Amino acid sequence: MAELIYYCGTMDSGKSTLALQTAHNHQSRGRTGLIFTSKDRAGTGVISSRLGLQRQALEVDEEIDIHRFVVDQLSMGERIDYVICDEAQFYQPEQIEQLAKIVDGLSIDVFAFGILTDFRTSLFPGSARLVELADRVHTLQVEALCWCGARATHNARTQGGVMITEGEQVVVGDVTPGQAIAYEVLCRRHHMRHVTARASGAAHTSIDPLPFKI
């Protein structure tokens, strides 16, 4: 039976890399599918990995009905064996329900990839609905690390190296190194204490951003 599977983790845990690898594995076995993304740091309609891998994808905005899109493709004679959805935390809850309809009504496997919580430790609405509806939820096994060396479990937004806890949940674009607003991953202890790498004086400061920008 087809399944809706959600792979989730913090930034730096390899979500987009796994999405690209999943697509490659299916295609290498002669299977055909659709690849969606939303608000990727590399731009519209692109899945990109911090390892440097990227490929074209279908952009999910707030208006698209993913189930209807898949049905329309099938009605035109297209073959769809699977659907891959990267940056699924940015999808609307209704769009997550559409993914479930694709699985249940069309018997097509859906593989979703995303971040569970935002910089305030609140669940993204898309991720919350995926946890509620997915047949399986997998936490990615590639562990991102806090500046202290412990397993990173939370995403932090910083301004001038100081952690901030207010602002829009989703901001579109990318954060380039050197800008005042940046992101880093922290363990729970240091996230709750608002201790970033710069605040701690740690030598190994991560300047890799989350895929959005103020």
Protein backbone atom coordinates (compact mmCIF):
# COMPACT_ATOMS: atom_id res chain seq x y z
CA MET A 1 0.00 0.00 0.00
CA ALA A 2 1.10 3.56 -0.66
CA GLU A 3 2.30 5.61 2.32
CA LEU A 4 2.79 9.19 3.42
CA ILE A 5 6.23 9.33 5.07
CA TYR A 6 7.70 12.38 6.79
CA TYR A 7 11.46 12.76 7.29
CA CYS A 8 12.22 15.62 9.65
CA GLY A 9 15.14 17.20 11.48
CA THR A 10 16.87 20.48 12.27
CA MET A 11 18.79 22.40 9.64
CA ASP A 12 22.09 20.71 8.75
CA SER A 13 20.55 17.25 9.23
CA GLY A 14 20.55 16.44 5.50
CA LYS A 15 16.85 16.72 4.62
CA SER A 16 17.27 18.10 1.11
CA THR A 17 20.20 15.77 0.46
CA LEU A 18 18.00 12.81 1.35
CA ALA A 19 15.17 14.16 -0.82
CA LEU A 20 17.54 14.33 -3.80
CA GLN A 21 18.92 10.87 -3.02
CA THR A 22 15.40 9.46 -2.78
CA ALA A 23 14.55 10.88 -6.20
CA HIS A 24 17.75 9.42 -7.65
CA ASN A 25 17.07 5.98 -6.20
CA HIS A 26 13.57 5.82 -7.66
CA GLN A 27 14.64 7.15 -11.04
CA SER A 28 17.53 4.70 -11.26
CA ARG A 29 14.93 1.92 -11.00
CA GLY A 30 12.87 3.30 -13.86
CA ARG A 31 10.23 4.97 -11.70
CA THR A 32 8.76 8.36 -12.57
CA GLY A 33 7.57 10.98 -10.12
CA LEU A 34 7.02 14.61 -9.23
CA ILE A 35 9.28 16.72 -7.04
CA PHE A 36 7.93 19.73 -5.14
CA THR A 37 9.61 22.32 -2.96
CA SER A 38 8.79 25.65 -1.31
CA LYS A 39 10.90 28.70 -0.48
CA ASP A 40 14.25 26.96 -1.00
CA ARG A 41 17.29 29.14 -0.25
CA ALA A 42 18.48 28.66 -3.86
CA GLY A 43 15.38 30.27 -5.33
CA THR A 44 12.00 29.41 -6.81
CA GLY A 45 11.50 25.91 -8.17
CA VAL A 46 14.82 24.49 -6.95
CA ILE A 47 15.81 21.89 -4.36
CA SER A 48 19.29 22.61 -3.04
CA SER A 49 21.52 20.85 -0.56
CA ARG A 50 24.27 22.44 1.52
CA LEU A 51 26.54 19.80 -0.01
CA GLY A 52 26.15 21.63 -3.33
CA LEU A 53 23.59 19.34 -4.98
CA GLN A 54 20.50 20.80 -6.58
CA ARG A 55 17.82 20.13 -9.19
CA GLN A 56 14.69 21.69 -10.60
CA ALA A 57 11.40 21.15 -8.80
CA LEU A 58 7.81 22.37 -8.82
CA GLU A 59 7.27 25.35 -6.53
CA VAL A 60 4.49 25.06 -3.95
CA ASP A 61 2.84 28.40 -3.20
CA GLU A 62 -0.20 28.99 -1.01
CA GLU A 63 -2.62 28.68 -3.92
CA ILE A 64 -1.66 25.37 -5.52
CA ASP A 65 -3.86 22.32 -4.96
CA ILE A 66 -1.29 19.54 -5.08
CA HIS A 67 -3.86 16.77 -5.31
CA ARG A 68 -5.60 18.47 -8.25
CA PHE A 69 -2.24 19.03 -9.95
CA VAL A 70 -1.38 15.33 -9.68
CA VAL A 71 -4.84 14.30 -10.92
CA ASP A 72 -4.50 16.64 -13.90
CA GLN A 73 -1.12 15.14 -14.77
CA LEU A 74 -2.52 11.63 -14.59
CA SER A 75 -5.49 12.60 -16.75
CA MET A 76 -3.04 13.78 -19.43
CA GLY A 77 -1.43 10.35 -19.48
CA GLU A 78 1.55 11.11 -17.27
CA ARG A 79 2.96 8.28 -15.16
CA ILE A 80 3.48 9.14 -11.49
CA ASP A 81 4.93 6.47 -9.22
CA TYR A 82 5.89 8.75 -6.33
CA VAL A 83 5.79 12.33 -5.08
CA ILE A 84 8.66 14.02 -3.22
CA CYS A 85 7.96 17.16 -1.19
CA ASP A 86 10.92 19.12 0.18
CA GLU A 87 10.63 22.06 2.64
CA ALA A 88 7.27 20.59 3.65
CA GLN A 89 7.17 22.73 6.80
CA PHE A 90 6.18 25.65 4.57
CA TYR A 91 3.15 23.90 3.04
CA GLN A 92 -0.32 24.87 4.19
CA PRO A 93 -2.13 22.32 6.41
CA GLU A 94 -4.71 21.87 3.63
CA GLN A 95 -1.90 20.99 1.24
CA ILE A 96 -0.69 18.31 3.65
CA GLU A 97 -4.21 16.90 3.59
CA GLN A 98 -3.97 16.91 -0.20
CA LEU A 99 -0.82 14.79 0.06
CA ALA A 100 -2.77 12.29 2.18
CA LYS A 101 -5.47 12.21 -0.52
CA ILE A 102 -2.82 11.41 -3.13
CA VAL A 103 -1.70 8.44 -1.05
CA ASP A 104 -5.15 7.14 -0.15
CA GLY A 105 -7.06 7.92 -3.32
CA LEU A 106 -4.41 7.51 -6.00
CA SER A 107 -2.16 4.89 -4.31
CA ILE A 108 0.96 6.99 -4.88
CA ASP A 109 3.76 7.10 -2.31
CA VAL A 110 4.52 10.56 -0.92
CA PHE A 111 7.88 11.32 0.71
CA ALA A 112 7.95 14.62 2.62
CA PHE A 113 11.04 16.31 4.08
CA GLY A 114 11.17 19.27 6.43
CA ILE A 115 11.90 21.02 9.70
CA LEU A 116 9.62 20.35 12.67
CA THR A 117 9.93 23.58 14.65
CA ASP A 118 10.82 27.20 14.02
CA PHE A 119 13.28 29.45 15.87
CA ARG A 120 10.75 29.86 18.70
CA THR A 121 10.48 26.05 19.12
CA SER A 122 6.89 26.17 17.80
CA LEU A 123 5.75 23.58 15.29
CA PHE A 124 5.37 24.80 11.73
CA PRO A 125 1.71 24.30 10.74
CA GLY A 126 2.69 22.09 7.80
CA SER A 127 4.89 19.92 9.99
CA ALA A 128 2.22 19.65 12.67
CA ARG A 129 -0.30 18.36 10.13
CA LEU A 130 2.24 15.91 8.74
CA VAL A 131 2.88 14.49 12.20
CA GLU A 132 -0.88 14.09 12.62
CA LEU A 133 -1.47 12.41 9.25
CA ALA A 134 1.71 10.62 8.18
CA ASP A 135 1.85 6.84 8.14
CA ARG A 136 5.40 7.11 9.40
CA VAL A 137 7.52 9.93 10.83
CA HIS A 138 11.31 9.51 10.80
CA THR A 139 13.78 11.72 12.60
CA LEU A 140 16.87 11.99 10.43
CA GLN A 141 19.86 10.15 11.84
CA VAL A 142 22.51 12.62 10.65
CA GLU A 143 22.90 14.70 13.79
CA ALA A 144 23.52 18.42 13.54
CA LEU A 145 25.75 19.67 16.34
CA CYS A 146 25.47 22.59 18.72
CA TRP A 147 28.58 24.75 19.21
CA CYS A 148 29.20 22.79 22.43
CA GLY A 149 29.38 19.49 20.54
CA ALA A 150 26.07 18.12 21.83
CA ARG A 151 23.30 17.02 19.49
CA ALA A 152 21.51 20.08 18.12
CA THR A 153 17.74 19.87 18.47
CA HIS A 154 16.59 23.48 17.99
CA ASN A 155 16.94 26.18 15.34
CA ALA A 156 17.88 29.63 16.63
CA ARG A 157 17.58 33.01 14.92
CA THR A 158 20.34 35.46 15.81
CA GLN A 159 20.98 39.16 15.28
CA GLY A 160 24.57 40.20 15.61
CA GLY A 161 25.27 36.88 17.26
CA VAL A 162 22.56 37.39 19.90
CA MET A 163 19.58 35.03 19.91
CA ILE A 164 16.18 36.60 19.23
CA THR A 165 12.80 35.00 19.88
CA GLU A 166 10.36 37.36 18.17
CA GLY A 167 9.46 37.96 14.54
CA GLU A 168 7.72 36.34 11.60
CA GLN A 169 7.73 32.55 11.58
CA VAL A 170 8.48 32.33 7.86
CA VAL A 171 10.54 34.84 5.94
CA VAL A 172 11.23 34.25 2.27
CA GLY A 173 14.65 33.98 0.66
CA ASP A 174 18.11 33.24 2.00
CA VAL A 175 20.43 34.63 4.64
CA THR A 176 23.94 35.15 3.31
CA PRO A 177 27.00 35.02 5.60
CA GLY A 178 27.89 38.41 7.02
CA GLN A 179 24.36 39.70 7.38
CA ALA A 180 23.10 40.79 10.80
CA ILE A 181 20.27 38.21 10.83
CA ALA A 182 21.46 34.60 10.77
CA TYR A 183 20.55 31.15 12.06
CA GLU A 184 22.34 28.42 13.95
CA VAL A 185 21.41 25.11 15.53
CA LEU A 186 21.64 24.66 19.29
CA CYS A 187 21.08 21.91 21.82
CA ARG A 188 18.01 22.38 24.04
CA ARG A 189 20.04 23.57 27.01
CA HIS A 190 21.72 26.41 25.14
CA HIS A 191 18.58 27.30 23.19
CA MET A 192 16.60 27.70 26.42
CA ARG A 193 19.43 29.78 27.91
CA HIS A 194 19.85 31.82 24.69
CA VAL A 195 23.55 30.97 24.54
CA THR A 196 24.72 31.14 20.92
CA ALA A 197 28.20 30.33 19.65
CA ARG A 198 29.22 33.97 19.65
CA ALA A 199 27.76 34.60 23.08
CA SER A 200 29.70 31.63 24.43
CA GLY A 201 32.94 32.67 22.76
CA ALA A 202 33.08 29.29 20.99
CA ALA A 203 35.58 29.11 18.16
CA HIS A 204 33.39 27.07 15.82
CA THR A 205 30.55 29.35 14.83
CA SER A 206 28.12 28.06 12.19
CA ILE A 207 26.94 30.76 9.80
CA ASP A 208 24.86 28.43 7.62
CA PRO A 209 21.36 29.91 7.37
CA LEU A 210 17.90 28.54 7.43
CA PRO A 211 16.28 28.99 4.00
CA PHE A 212 14.62 32.30 4.67
CA LYS A 213 15.52 35.91 5.17
CA ILE A 214 14.27 38.96 7.07
